[in-house]
């Protein structure tokens, strides 16, 4: 019976010890997503159409209809230096999270010692010199038991930063796609404007020839000739200016793509569904799930919550265990004999008493950083809301402006025709023709710019809604051949718990 109770007592002690080792506290605050600091719907929101997919779910390969543009985007994603920098930062964050998490596990080392130790006679009671030979081999382990979650929260903070860096990479890639598309649209617009300028030059050459001929036969004045030539020179100057702007735009495209590009002449005309039809924007709450900069800001908020937990745990005792086992002997041949075994087991408890208010300062610092992270998260949402609203307003008003400008051009063309007839018939001065031609040319150029702005607004709306890359999509560059899956929030505007391997 005595043996039974003694066994029960030892079992209870062992169970309590195991419970102490396995039960751990987490002092990090419970994560609470801040309220959405925007209206519940967008102004001028397009009614949701069940026949159209949500714009943010469309991959960029499907959104852009032009094969040449898709090729440029593909090259940019492979070669752009900004994206390569973002990819490198993902790897930095990945390895930093690995380093932070390594302290959760025992640190095991092997040690071997062998040598002679000489003791002079002066230090011995008998005055005789002594030389000892000693050999030792051991395997030791050091382990900090993370009772209060200090190490786990440090690892969690690093992991959240890693996830945030992946969203940062996605944000850079999304922005890069949009920049390439905008620059490409600008090139197509310059081509159209150059074509209008060339046609205008030919028209004004003919007008100058007629006016000059009338002057030579005595039916016109020299002032008309001078005005006609000035109008021709003006068209040529604008033609050269457009050529300059197009070349500079190509230089910008080369920088984005990361290699020299050469684009043949093309026309600014897209008829694809996603650029010409209403684009459903969804609800502002969708931004929390789709915009990479907002998701990155939320990961940063989660990271500082973990930092607060680590800072709180620093006030509590740290429990460490050091253990080693091995063998030692004065003779190498006897090193592995039966009587040469050695071992040690040393639990250590360290309680911080005074460190110059360092722990308190670290806690206050983490709390202040959380306040900053909350404000940055809310600002990211508000900025995204404005981006979407601006793009939707642009698409709404540009549609009306384009239609009115088309009517204006038709009226100006008729005005130019009538002014030329009146001049040839001698009913008006050439100044009327000059003003009519100039107004028509400027309005035709403005129509191209409006068309470009309308197509660009589709790109802006697509980007503002977080379109381009699904959240679980990995962006590859020439320096990155690994596949890493990102967390994929689905039903609610909440990021999932980030307890997963950083290796994908």
Protein backbone atom coordinates (compact mmCIF):
# COMPACT_ATOMS: atom_id res chain seq x y z
CA UNK A 1 0.00 0.00 0.00
CA UNK A 2 2.91 2.35 0.84
CA UNK A 3 4.38 1.68 -2.59
CA UNK A 4 1.02 2.47 -4.21
CA UNK A 5 0.68 5.87 -2.54
CA UNK A 6 4.32 6.71 -3.24
CA UNK A 7 3.78 5.88 -6.90
CA UNK A 8 0.65 8.05 -7.00
CA UNK A 9 2.59 10.90 -5.40
CA UNK A 10 5.39 10.67 -7.98
CA UNK A 11 2.86 10.43 -10.82
CA UNK A 12 1.06 13.54 -9.58
CA UNK A 13 4.34 15.43 -9.37
CA UNK A 14 5.29 14.30 -12.87
CA UNK A 15 1.88 15.31 -14.22
CA UNK A 16 2.15 18.74 -12.61
CA UNK A 17 5.59 19.19 -14.12
CA UNK A 18 4.39 18.22 -17.59
CA UNK A 19 1.39 20.52 -17.22
CA UNK A 20 3.71 23.38 -16.28
CA UNK A 21 5.86 22.72 -19.33
CA UNK A 22 2.97 22.45 -21.77
CA UNK A 23 0.66 25.17 -20.44
CA UNK A 24 1.77 28.51 -21.80
CA UNK A 25 0.28 31.97 -21.62
CA UNK A 26 -0.13 34.49 -24.39
CA UNK A 27 -0.01 38.08 -23.17
CA UNK A 28 -0.65 39.66 -26.58
CA UNK A 29 -3.90 41.64 -26.81
CA UNK A 30 -6.76 40.01 -28.69
CA UNK A 31 -6.81 41.33 -32.24
CA UNK A 32 -9.73 43.59 -33.08
CA UNK A 33 -10.09 44.95 -36.57
CA UNK A 34 -10.79 48.71 -36.54
CA UNK A 35 -14.13 49.85 -37.88
CA UNK A 36 -14.32 50.80 -41.54
CA UNK A 37 -13.72 54.59 -41.59
CA UNK A 38 -15.66 55.16 -44.81
CA UNK A 39 -19.19 55.26 -46.17
CA UNK A 40 -20.97 51.95 -46.74
CA UNK A 41 -21.27 52.51 -50.51
CA UNK A 42 -19.31 54.40 -53.12
CA UNK A 43 -20.70 57.56 -54.69
CA UNK A 44 -21.88 56.90 -58.24
CA UNK A 45 -21.51 53.17 -57.69
CA UNK A 46 -22.46 50.99 -60.65
CA UNK A 47 -25.24 48.54 -59.74
CA UNK A 48 -23.87 45.04 -59.39
CA UNK A 49 -24.43 42.98 -62.52
CA UNK A 50 -24.54 39.23 -61.99
CA UNK A 51 -23.43 38.74 -65.60
CA UNK A 52 -20.15 40.56 -64.96
CA UNK A 53 -17.41 39.32 -62.63
CA UNK A 54 -16.24 41.62 -59.86
CA UNK A 55 -13.52 43.75 -61.37
CA UNK A 56 -11.06 42.97 -58.57
CA UNK A 57 -11.25 39.23 -59.35
CA UNK A 58 -10.18 39.62 -62.98
CA UNK A 59 -6.53 38.74 -63.61
CA UNK A 60 -4.59 41.37 -65.51
CA UNK A 61 -4.09 38.93 -68.42
CA UNK A 62 -7.87 38.91 -68.91
CA UNK A 63 -8.49 42.57 -68.16
CA UNK A 64 -6.26 44.02 -70.89
CA UNK A 65 -7.31 43.04 -74.44
CA UNK A 66 -4.17 44.18 -76.28
CA UNK A 67 -1.64 41.38 -76.84
CA UNK A 68 1.23 43.84 -77.18
CA UNK A 69 0.36 45.43 -73.84
CA UNK A 70 0.19 42.03 -72.17
CA UNK A 71 3.63 41.25 -73.52
CA UNK A 72 5.04 44.49 -72.09
CA UNK A 73 3.50 43.76 -68.69
CA UNK A 74 4.99 40.26 -68.71
CA UNK A 75 8.44 41.69 -69.45
CA UNK A 76 8.04 44.32 -66.74
CA UNK A 77 7.11 41.72 -64.12
CA UNK A 78 10.26 39.78 -65.03
CA UNK A 79 12.71 42.68 -65.27
CA UNK A 80 11.51 45.67 -63.25
CA UNK A 81 13.99 46.65 -60.54
CA UNK A 82 11.39 47.95 -58.08
CA UNK A 83 9.66 44.58 -58.17
CA UNK A 84 12.97 42.78 -57.68
CA UNK A 85 13.62 44.94 -54.61
CA UNK A 86 10.18 44.05 -53.24
CA UNK A 87 10.86 40.35 -53.90
CA UNK A 88 14.17 40.56 -52.05
CA UNK A 89 12.40 42.16 -49.10
CA UNK A 90 10.03 39.20 -48.97
CA UNK A 91 13.01 36.88 -48.68
CA UNK A 92 14.55 39.07 -45.98
CA UNK A 93 11.33 38.93 -43.97
CA UNK A 94 11.04 35.16 -44.50
CA UNK A 95 14.52 34.49 -43.11
CA UNK A 96 14.05 36.97 -40.26
CA UNK A 97 10.92 35.09 -39.18
CA UNK A 98 12.89 31.83 -39.29
CA UNK A 99 15.57 33.32 -37.04
CA UNK A 100 13.00 34.62 -34.55
CA UNK A 101 11.23 31.27 -34.36
CA UNK A 102 14.43 29.28 -33.83
CA UNK A 103 14.53 30.20 -30.12
CA UNK A 104 11.37 28.15 -29.53
CA UNK A 105 13.42 24.96 -29.87
CA UNK A 106 16.31 23.54 -27.83
CA UNK A 107 19.76 24.55 -28.95
CA UNK A 108 21.84 21.36 -29.10
CA UNK A 109 25.63 21.38 -29.35
CA UNK A 110 28.39 18.78 -29.31
CA UNK A 111 31.64 19.49 -27.46
CA UNK A 112 34.97 17.68 -27.38
CA UNK A 113 37.96 18.59 -25.20
CA UNK A 114 41.37 16.96 -24.99
CA UNK A 115 44.68 18.20 -23.60
CA UNK A 116 47.21 18.41 -20.80
CA UNK A 117 47.04 20.68 -17.76
CA UNK A 118 50.25 21.60 -15.92
CA UNK A 119 50.19 22.78 -12.31
CA UNK A 120 53.41 24.31 -10.88
CA UNK A 121 54.69 23.06 -7.55
CA UNK A 122 54.22 26.41 -5.86
CA UNK A 123 50.49 25.93 -5.99
CA UNK A 124 50.58 22.44 -4.43
CA UNK A 125 50.86 21.53 -0.78
CA UNK A 126 53.70 19.11 -1.46
CA UNK A 127 55.66 21.46 -3.74
CA UNK A 128 55.72 18.97 -6.61
CA UNK A 129 54.88 19.84 -10.20
CA UNK A 130 51.85 18.10 -11.65
CA UNK A 131 50.76 17.40 -15.22
CA UNK A 132 47.31 15.99 -15.86
CA UNK A 133 45.84 14.59 -19.05
CA UNK A 134 42.11 15.11 -19.62
CA UNK A 135 39.70 14.01 -22.35
CA UNK A 136 35.99 14.82 -22.53
CA UNK A 137 33.14 14.52 -25.01
CA UNK A 138 29.55 15.64 -24.45
CA UNK A 139 26.29 16.66 -26.06
CA UNK A 140 24.53 19.58 -24.40
CA UNK A 141 21.21 21.32 -24.82
CA UNK A 142 19.97 24.76 -23.80
CA UNK A 143 16.28 25.56 -23.90
CA UNK A 144 14.27 28.54 -22.76
CA UNK A 145 10.77 27.39 -21.91
CA UNK A 146 8.46 30.03 -23.33
CA UNK A 147 5.89 30.08 -20.50
CA UNK A 148 4.66 33.61 -21.15
CA UNK A 149 4.81 33.60 -24.94
CA UNK A 150 7.68 36.07 -25.26
CA UNK A 151 9.48 34.11 -27.96
CA UNK A 152 6.26 33.01 -29.65
CA UNK A 153 5.12 36.61 -29.91
CA UNK A 154 8.47 37.70 -31.31
CA UNK A 155 8.17 34.93 -33.91
CA UNK A 156 4.55 35.89 -34.59
CA UNK A 157 5.50 39.54 -35.11
CA UNK A 158 8.20 38.54 -37.58
CA UNK A 159 5.79 36.20 -39.36
CA UNK A 160 3.16 38.92 -39.71
CA UNK A 161 5.84 41.21 -41.12
CA UNK A 162 6.71 38.48 -43.60
CA UNK A 163 3.09 38.21 -44.71
CA UNK A 164 2.95 41.98 -44.97
CA UNK A 165 6.04 42.00 -47.16
CA UNK A 166 4.30 39.59 -49.54
CA UNK A 167 1.39 42.01 -49.80
CA UNK A 168 3.92 44.79 -50.32
CA UNK A 169 5.33 42.82 -53.24
CA UNK A 170 1.80 42.41 -54.63
CA UNK A 171 1.20 46.15 -54.24
CA UNK A 172 4.37 46.93 -56.21
CA UNK A 173 3.36 44.46 -58.93
CA UNK A 174 -0.17 45.88 -59.13
CA UNK A 175 1.20 49.41 -59.39
CA UNK A 176 3.70 48.28 -62.02
CA UNK A 177 0.96 46.75 -64.19
CA UNK A 178 -1.03 49.98 -63.94
CA UNK A 179 1.98 52.15 -64.80
CA UNK A 180 2.82 50.06 -67.85
CA UNK A 181 -0.82 50.21 -69.00
CA UNK A 182 -1.03 53.99 -68.50
CA UNK A 183 2.24 54.56 -70.35
CA UNK A 184 1.14 52.29 -73.18
CA UNK A 185 -2.17 54.14 -73.47
CA UNK A 186 -0.26 57.41 -73.57
CA UNK A 187 1.83 56.07 -76.46
CA UNK A 188 -1.30 55.10 -78.38
CA UNK A 189 -2.73 58.56 -77.71
CA UNK A 190 0.42 60.26 -78.94
CA UNK A 191 0.19 58.20 -82.13
CA UNK A 192 -3.35 59.44 -82.72
CA UNK A 193 -2.39 63.03 -81.94
CA UNK A 194 0.60 62.83 -84.28
CA UNK A 195 -1.64 61.46 -87.03
CA UNK A 196 -4.05 64.39 -86.53
CA UNK A 197 -1.11 66.81 -86.59
CA UNK A 198 0.20 65.29 -89.84
CA UNK A 199 -3.24 65.55 -91.45
CA UNK A 200 -3.56 69.14 -90.22
CA UNK A 201 -0.16 70.01 -91.68
CA UNK A 202 -1.23 68.71 -95.09
CA UNK A 203 -4.50 70.65 -94.89
CA UNK A 204 -2.72 73.85 -93.92
CA UNK A 205 -0.15 73.36 -96.66
CA UNK A 206 -2.97 73.31 -99.16
CA UNK A 207 -4.56 76.38 -97.56
CA UNK A 208 -1.23 78.20 -97.66
CA UNK A 209 -0.82 77.29 -101.35
CA UNK A 210 -4.28 78.68 -102.16
CA UNK A 211 -3.78 81.89 -100.15
CA UNK A 212 -0.36 82.46 -101.66
CA UNK A 213 -1.75 81.92 -105.16
CA UNK A 214 -4.55 84.44 -104.51
CA UNK A 215 -1.96 86.96 -103.35
CA UNK A 216 0.14 86.38 -106.49
CA UNK A 217 -2.86 87.04 -108.77
CA UNK A 218 -3.85 90.11 -106.79
CA UNK A 219 -7.06 88.83 -105.19
CA UNK A 220 -5.65 88.50 -101.67
CA UNK A 221 -3.49 90.41 -99.23
CA UNK A 222 -0.04 89.71 -97.85
CA UNK A 223 -1.49 89.59 -94.34
CA UNK A 224 -3.50 86.52 -95.32
CA UNK A 225 -0.34 84.83 -96.61
CA UNK A 226 1.51 85.61 -93.40
CA UNK A 227 -1.33 84.32 -91.23
CA UNK A 228 -1.66 81.15 -93.28
CA UNK A 229 2.06 80.43 -93.03
CA UNK A 230 2.04 81.09 -89.28
CA UNK A 231 -0.80 78.59 -88.90
CA UNK A 232 1.19 76.01 -90.88
CA UNK A 233 4.29 76.61 -88.75
CA UNK A 234 2.18 76.24 -85.61
CA UNK A 235 0.98 72.80 -86.75
CA UNK A 236 4.56 71.73 -87.53
CA UNK A 237 5.74 72.91 -84.10
CA UNK A 238 3.01 70.94 -82.37
CA UNK A 239 3.87 67.91 -84.50
CA UNK A 240 7.50 68.06 -83.30
CA UNK A 241 6.37 68.59 -79.71
CA UNK A 242 4.20 65.48 -79.89
CA UNK A 243 7.11 63.49 -81.32
CA UNK A 244 9.25 64.65 -78.38
CA UNK A 245 6.61 63.72 -75.83
CA UNK A 246 6.12 60.28 -77.40
CA UNK A 247 9.86 59.59 -77.31
CA UNK A 248 10.06 60.63 -73.66
CA UNK A 249 7.06 58.44 -72.90
CA UNK A 250 8.83 55.49 -74.55
CA UNK A 251 11.84 56.18 -72.32
CA UNK A 252 9.56 55.94 -69.29
CA UNK A 253 8.13 52.68 -70.63
CA UNK A 254 11.65 51.33 -71.12
CA UNK A 255 12.42 52.05 -67.46
CA UNK A 256 9.27 50.25 -66.35
CA UNK A 257 9.83 47.23 -68.58
CA UNK A 258 13.51 47.03 -67.69
CA UNK A 259 14.74 46.70 -71.27
CA UNK A 260 14.53 48.75 -74.49
CA UNK A 261 11.14 48.66 -76.20
CA UNK A 262 10.05 49.58 -79.70
CA UNK A 263 6.36 50.05 -80.40
CA UNK A 264 4.92 50.20 -83.90
CA UNK A 265 2.35 52.84 -84.67
CA UNK A 266 -1.06 51.96 -83.34
CA UNK A 267 -4.46 53.42 -82.65
CA UNK A 268 -6.06 54.26 -79.32
CA UNK A 269 -9.10 52.03 -79.72
CA UNK A 270 -10.12 49.35 -77.27
CA UNK A 271 -13.49 47.65 -77.39
CA UNK A 272 -12.94 45.02 -74.71
CA UNK A 273 -15.77 44.43 -72.23
CA UNK A 274 -13.80 45.43 -69.16
CA UNK A 275 -12.68 48.77 -70.63
CA UNK A 276 -15.83 49.88 -72.41
CA UNK A 277 -18.63 48.47 -70.24
CA UNK A 278 -19.71 49.50 -66.70
CA UNK A 279 -17.27 48.16 -64.15
CA UNK A 280 -18.90 46.90 -60.91
CA UNK A 281 -16.89 48.22 -57.99
CA UNK A 282 -18.61 46.24 -55.24
CA UNK A 283 -18.70 47.58 -51.68
CA UNK A 284 -16.07 49.46 -49.65
CA UNK A 285 -15.76 46.43 -47.34
CA UNK A 286 -14.36 44.49 -50.31
CA UNK A 287 -11.32 46.76 -50.28
CA UNK A 288 -10.21 45.18 -47.00
CA UNK A 289 -10.03 41.82 -48.77
CA UNK A 290 -8.51 42.93 -52.07
CA UNK A 291 -6.24 45.97 -51.75
CA UNK A 292 -2.70 44.76 -51.00
CA UNK A 293 -1.71 47.99 -49.23
CA UNK A 294 -4.67 47.65 -46.85
CA UNK A 295 -3.90 43.99 -46.17
CA UNK A 296 -0.26 44.93 -45.59
CA UNK A 297 -1.34 47.59 -43.09
CA UNK A 298 -3.47 45.05 -41.24
CA UNK A 299 -0.58 42.61 -41.03
CA UNK A 300 1.50 45.45 -39.57
CA UNK A 301 -1.23 45.99 -36.98
CA UNK A 302 -1.18 42.30 -36.07
CA UNK A 303 2.62 42.44 -35.80
CA UNK A 304 2.57 45.25 -33.22
CA UNK A 305 -0.05 43.34 -31.21
CA UNK A 306 2.47 40.50 -30.99
CA UNK A 307 5.19 43.00 -30.04
CA UNK A 308 3.02 44.14 -27.13
CA UNK A 309 2.71 40.52 -25.98
CA UNK A 310 6.48 40.06 -26.10
CA UNK A 311 7.03 43.32 -24.21
CA UNK A 312 4.58 42.28 -21.48
CA UNK A 313 6.26 38.88 -21.11
CA UNK A 314 9.63 40.56 -20.53
CA UNK A 315 8.44 41.58 -17.03
CA UNK A 316 8.01 37.93 -15.97
CA UNK A 317 10.56 35.27 -14.99
CA UNK A 318 12.42 33.41 -17.73
CA UNK A 319 12.88 29.67 -17.25
CA UNK A 320 15.86 28.01 -18.90
CA UNK A 321 17.09 24.44 -18.81
CA UNK A 322 20.67 23.41 -19.43
CA UNK A 323 21.49 19.73 -19.70
CA UNK A 324 24.44 17.75 -20.94
CA UNK A 325 25.59 14.17 -21.10
CA UNK A 326 28.89 12.67 -22.11
CA UNK A 327 32.08 11.04 -20.96
CA UNK A 328 35.43 12.11 -19.52
CA UNK A 329 38.66 10.36 -18.59
CA UNK A 330 42.34 10.99 -18.03
CA UNK A 331 43.12 8.33 -20.62
CA UNK A 332 41.78 8.38 -24.15
CA UNK A 333 41.43 4.58 -24.27
CA UNK A 334 39.21 4.67 -21.19
CA UNK A 335 37.03 7.51 -22.52
CA UNK A 336 34.16 5.18 -23.34
CA UNK A 337 34.53 2.90 -20.36
CA UNK A 338 31.76 2.13 -17.94
CA UNK A 339 32.92 4.55 -15.23
CA UNK A 340 33.55 7.58 -17.48
CA UNK A 341 29.97 8.82 -17.97
CA UNK A 342 29.12 12.40 -16.94
CA UNK A 343 25.87 14.37 -16.96
CA UNK A 344 24.31 17.53 -15.63
CA UNK A 345 20.83 19.02 -15.46
CA UNK A 346 20.42 22.65 -14.38
CA UNK A 347 17.10 24.51 -14.46
CA UNK A 348 17.55 28.27 -14.14
CA UNK A 349 14.93 30.89 -13.30
CA UNK A 350 15.83 34.50 -14.06
CA UNK A 351 13.62 37.29 -12.70
CA UNK A 352 14.17 40.86 -13.94
CA UNK A 353 14.48 43.22 -10.97
CA UNK A 354 15.92 46.42 -12.40
CA UNK A 355 17.09 47.32 -15.92
CA UNK A 356 16.76 51.07 -16.04
CA UNK A 357 13.06 50.99 -17.06
CA UNK A 358 13.99 49.22 -20.30
CA UNK A 359 11.10 46.76 -20.16
CA UNK A 360 8.59 49.50 -19.37
CA UNK A 361 9.97 51.61 -22.20
CA UNK A 362 9.70 48.71 -24.64
CA UNK A 363 6.07 48.15 -23.65
CA UNK A 364 5.16 51.82 -24.04
CA UNK A 365 6.99 51.87 -27.37
CA UNK A 366 5.00 48.87 -28.64
CA UNK A 367 1.72 50.44 -27.52
CA UNK A 368 2.59 53.72 -29.25
CA UNK A 369 3.46 51.82 -32.42
CA UNK A 370 0.07 50.13 -32.29
CA UNK A 371 -1.66 53.50 -32.22
CA UNK A 372 0.40 54.47 -35.26
CA UNK A 373 -0.47 51.20 -37.02
CA UNK A 374 -4.19 51.72 -36.40
CA UNK A 375 -4.03 55.23 -37.87
CA UNK A 376 -2.04 53.98 -40.88
CA UNK A 377 -4.55 51.16 -41.44
CA UNK A 378 -7.48 53.58 -41.36
CA UNK A 379 -5.64 56.01 -43.62
CA UNK A 380 -4.94 53.21 -46.13
CA UNK A 381 -8.66 52.42 -46.26
CA UNK A 382 -9.64 56.07 -46.67
CA UNK A 383 -7.05 56.55 -49.41
CA UNK A 384 -8.32 53.47 -51.22
CA UNK A 385 -11.92 54.69 -50.91
CA UNK A 386 -10.95 58.01 -52.47
CA UNK A 387 -9.02 56.29 -55.27
CA UNK A 388 -12.09 54.25 -56.17
CA UNK A 389 -14.45 57.21 -55.90
CA UNK A 390 -12.16 59.39 -58.06
CA UNK A 391 -11.91 56.73 -60.75
CA UNK A 392 -15.67 56.21 -60.79
CA UNK A 393 -16.29 59.97 -60.99
CA UNK A 394 -13.81 60.22 -63.87
CA UNK A 395 -15.53 57.45 -65.82
CA UNK A 396 -18.95 59.01 -65.24
CA UNK A 397 -18.07 62.54 -66.35
CA UNK A 398 -15.61 61.59 -69.09
CA UNK A 399 -18.37 59.70 -70.89
CA UNK A 400 -20.45 62.87 -71.13
CA UNK A 401 -17.45 65.01 -72.02
CA UNK A 402 -16.44 62.70 -74.86
CA UNK A 403 -19.93 62.80 -76.37
CA UNK A 404 -20.14 66.59 -76.12
CA UNK A 405 -16.66 66.96 -77.63
CA UNK A 406 -17.68 64.81 -80.59
CA UNK A 407 -20.64 67.14 -81.21
CA UNK A 408 -18.31 70.11 -80.83
CA UNK A 409 -15.90 68.73 -83.45
CA UNK A 410 -18.76 68.20 -85.90
CA UNK A 411 -19.82 71.82 -85.43
CA UNK A 412 -16.25 73.08 -85.77
CA UNK A 413 -15.73 71.12 -88.98
CA UNK A 414 -18.83 72.77 -90.44
CA UNK A 415 -17.61 76.14 -89.20
CA UNK A 416 -14.24 75.64 -90.92
CA UNK A 417 -15.95 74.67 -94.17
CA UNK A 418 -18.21 77.73 -94.10
CA UNK A 419 -15.35 80.05 -93.18
CA UNK A 420 -13.31 78.82 -96.15
CA UNK A 421 -16.29 79.34 -98.49
CA UNK A 422 -16.82 82.87 -97.15
CA UNK A 423 -13.12 83.65 -97.59
CA UNK A 424 -12.98 82.31 -101.14
CA UNK A 425 -16.17 84.26 -101.97
CA UNK A 426 -14.66 87.41 -100.51
CA UNK A 427 -17.21 87.83 -97.71
CA UNK A 428 -14.74 87.53 -94.79
CA UNK A 429 -11.06 87.88 -93.93
CA UNK A 430 -8.75 84.92 -93.65
CA UNK A 431 -8.66 85.46 -89.88
CA UNK A 432 -12.01 83.63 -89.61
CA UNK A 433 -10.54 80.61 -91.41
CA UNK A 434 -7.45 80.71 -89.20
CA UNK A 435 -9.48 80.74 -85.97
CA UNK A 436 -11.81 77.99 -87.21
CA UNK A 437 -8.93 75.69 -88.20
CA UNK A 438 -7.07 76.30 -84.93
CA UNK A 439 -10.17 75.58 -82.82
CA UNK A 440 -10.90 72.41 -84.79
CA UNK A 441 -7.33 71.14 -84.42
CA UNK A 442 -7.21 71.82 -80.67
CA UNK A 443 -10.57 70.15 -80.10
CA UNK A 444 -9.59 67.06 -82.10
CA UNK A 445 -6.46 66.77 -79.96
CA UNK A 446 -8.55 67.23 -76.82
CA UNK A 447 -10.87 64.40 -77.88
CA UNK A 448 -7.91 62.02 -78.08
CA UNK A 449 -6.83 63.09 -74.60
CA UNK A 450 -10.34 62.56 -73.26
CA UNK A 451 -10.46 59.10 -74.81
CA UNK A 452 -7.10 58.31 -73.22
CA UNK A 453 -8.31 59.61 -69.84
CA UNK A 454 -11.44 57.44 -70.08
CA UNK A 455 -9.44 54.28 -70.75
CA UNK A 456 -6.94 55.25 -68.07
CA UNK A 457 -9.80 55.66 -65.59
CA UNK A 458 -10.66 51.99 -66.16
CA UNK A 459 -7.07 51.09 -65.29
CA UNK A 460 -7.23 53.38 -62.24
CA UNK A 461 -10.47 51.79 -61.02
CA UNK A 462 -9.10 48.30 -61.60
CA UNK A 463 -5.97 49.16 -59.61
CA UNK A 464 -7.85 51.02 -56.86
CA UNK A 465 -10.01 47.95 -56.24
CA UNK A 466 -6.95 45.72 -55.86
CA UNK A 467 -7.23 43.97 -59.21
CA UNK A 468 -4.35 42.33 -61.00
CA UNK A 469 -3.20 39.48 -58.80
CA UNK A 470 -5.26 37.11 -56.66
CA UNK A 471 -4.25 37.10 -53.00
CA UNK A 472 -2.97 33.52 -53.20
CA UNK A 473 -0.94 34.30 -56.33
CA UNK A 474 2.83 34.30 -56.24
CA UNK A 475 4.60 36.95 -58.30
CA UNK A 476 7.72 35.67 -59.98
CA UNK A 477 10.74 37.58 -61.15
CA UNK A 478 13.90 36.26 -62.73
CA UNK A 479 15.49 36.03 -59.26
CA UNK A 480 12.59 34.18 -57.62
CA UNK A 481 11.78 30.58 -58.50
CA UNK A 482 10.10 29.56 -55.26
CA UNK A 483 6.37 29.24 -54.77
CA UNK A 484 4.86 30.71 -51.63
CA UNK A 485 1.14 30.75 -50.92
CA UNK A 486 -0.28 33.73 -49.14
CA UNK A 487 -3.19 33.59 -46.70
CA UNK A 488 -6.46 33.80 -48.57
CA UNK A 489 -9.28 35.54 -46.67
CA UNK A 490 -12.61 34.61 -48.19
CA UNK A 491 -15.92 35.28 -46.50
CA UNK A 492 -15.38 38.17 -44.08
CA UNK A 493 -13.13 41.23 -44.15
CA UNK A 494 -10.90 39.57 -41.55
CA UNK A 495 -7.47 38.16 -42.21
CA UNK A 496 -7.14 34.50 -41.18
CA UNK A 497 -5.01 33.44 -38.22
CA UNK A 498 -1.44 33.50 -39.44
CA UNK A 499 -0.25 30.30 -37.77
CA UNK A 500 1.32 28.57 -40.72
CA UNK A 501 4.72 27.75 -42.09
CA UNK A 502 6.68 30.52 -43.73
CA UNK A 503 7.88 27.99 -46.27
CA UNK A 504 4.48 27.90 -47.98
